[in-house]
Protein backbone atom coordinates (compact mmCIF):
# COMPACT_ATOMS: atom_id res chain seq x y z
CA UNK A 1 0.61 -4.88 33.31
CA UNK A 2 -1.35 -1.84 32.14
CA UNK A 3 0.45 0.98 30.33
CA UNK A 4 -1.51 3.86 31.76
CA UNK A 5 -2.14 4.61 35.41
CA UNK A 6 -5.53 4.07 36.83
CA UNK A 7 -5.85 7.84 37.66
CA UNK A 8 -5.24 10.40 34.93
CA UNK A 9 -2.77 13.17 35.49
CA UNK A 10 -4.71 16.38 36.02
CA UNK A 11 -2.27 18.23 33.98
CA UNK A 12 -3.55 16.33 30.92
CA UNK A 13 -7.34 16.93 31.79
CA UNK A 14 -8.99 20.18 30.53
CA UNK A 15 -10.05 22.75 32.93
CA UNK A 16 -13.60 22.12 31.94
CA UNK A 17 -13.40 18.58 33.27
CA UNK A 18 -11.69 19.51 36.53
CA UNK A 19 -8.11 19.27 35.36
CA UNK A 20 -5.45 22.06 34.92
CA UNK A 21 -5.03 21.94 31.04
CA UNK A 22 -5.92 25.25 29.63
CA UNK A 23 -7.23 25.61 26.14
CA UNK A 24 -4.15 27.41 24.89
CA UNK A 25 -1.94 24.44 26.32
CA UNK A 26 -4.39 21.83 24.90
CA UNK A 27 -4.07 23.49 21.41
CA UNK A 28 -0.10 23.50 21.75
CA UNK A 29 -0.28 19.77 22.81
CA UNK A 30 -2.46 18.82 19.83
CA UNK A 31 -0.10 20.61 17.38
CA UNK A 32 2.87 18.83 18.95
CA UNK A 33 1.19 15.55 18.72
CA UNK A 34 0.23 16.11 15.03
CA UNK A 35 3.87 16.98 14.20
CA UNK A 36 5.08 13.83 15.99
CA UNK A 37 2.50 11.72 14.16
CA UNK A 38 3.57 13.22 10.81
CA UNK A 39 7.03 11.80 11.25
CA UNK A 40 5.72 8.20 11.36
CA UNK A 41 2.75 8.59 9.03
CA UNK A 42 4.81 7.24 5.97
CA UNK A 43 4.95 4.00 7.73
CA UNK A 44 1.15 3.68 7.51
CA UNK A 45 1.03 5.17 3.98
CA UNK A 46 3.54 2.57 2.72
CA UNK A 47 1.28 -0.19 3.82
CA UNK A 48 -2.11 1.50 2.90
CA UNK A 49 -1.34 4.18 0.36
CA UNK A 50 -5.04 4.67 -0.62
CA UNK A 51 -6.31 5.13 2.83
CA UNK A 52 -6.64 8.86 3.89
CA UNK A 53 -8.06 8.43 7.44
CA UNK A 54 -4.83 8.98 9.49
CA UNK A 55 -3.79 12.07 7.44
CA UNK A 56 -7.38 13.28 7.51
CA UNK A 57 -7.27 12.99 11.35
CA UNK A 58 -4.24 15.33 11.48
CA UNK A 59 -5.87 17.90 9.20
CA UNK A 60 -9.15 17.82 11.15
CA UNK A 61 -7.21 18.10 14.47
CA UNK A 62 -5.46 21.18 13.20
CA UNK A 63 -8.70 22.45 12.16
CA UNK A 64 -9.88 22.11 15.75
CA UNK A 65 -6.83 23.90 17.01
CA UNK A 66 -7.79 26.87 14.74
CA UNK A 67 -11.44 26.80 15.98
CA UNK A 68 -12.80 25.55 12.62
CA UNK A 69 -13.88 22.18 13.66
CA UNK A 70 -15.99 21.10 16.67
CA UNK A 71 -14.41 18.65 19.05
CA UNK A 72 -17.08 16.08 18.34
CA UNK A 73 -15.99 15.90 14.66
CA UNK A 74 -12.38 15.71 15.70
CA UNK A 75 -13.13 12.69 17.94
CA UNK A 76 -15.07 10.93 15.06
CA UNK A 77 -12.17 11.49 12.71
CA UNK A 78 -9.66 10.22 15.34
CA UNK A 79 -11.60 7.09 15.77
CA UNK A 80 -11.63 6.49 12.05
CA UNK A 81 -7.79 6.89 12.01
CA UNK A 82 -7.48 4.33 14.81
CA UNK A 83 -9.68 1.87 12.86
CA UNK A 84 -7.37 2.36 9.82
CA UNK A 85 -4.61 0.64 11.65
CA UNK A 86 -6.56 -2.53 12.51
CA UNK A 87 -5.06 -5.66 11.09
CA UNK A 88 -1.79 -3.99 9.86
CA UNK A 89 1.64 -4.79 10.89
CA UNK A 90 2.84 -2.94 14.03
CA UNK A 91 4.78 0.02 12.51
CA UNK A 92 1.70 0.92 10.22
CA UNK A 93 -0.80 0.35 13.05
CA UNK A 94 1.10 2.41 15.50
CA UNK A 95 1.44 5.13 12.91
CA UNK A 96 -2.36 5.26 12.45
CA UNK A 97 -2.90 5.26 16.16
CA UNK A 98 -0.49 8.21 16.63
CA UNK A 99 -2.42 10.18 14.04
CA UNK A 100 -5.67 9.25 15.64
CA UNK A 101 -4.41 10.30 19.16
CA UNK A 102 -3.01 13.56 17.83
């Protein structure tokens, strides 16, 4: 059974892509997601203390919110954070994914 619906909620699609999510709200959502991910990031760092990729993704995401980082770079950093969780136990893996999604 899929977790996500087949059709995306237009409230979570940016205006540029035909949805209703404004840049201001997109930035607020990204900051909220980063704060949530920070709460679970220690689960990843306990398992992989020398891997900075998830924490880097949060920093780059915040740079995007401030207009200092292009979206393309934020996406690349996000993918690296997701990759950091591969092969780890669920709590650590999900913490890396949370950082990547933020």
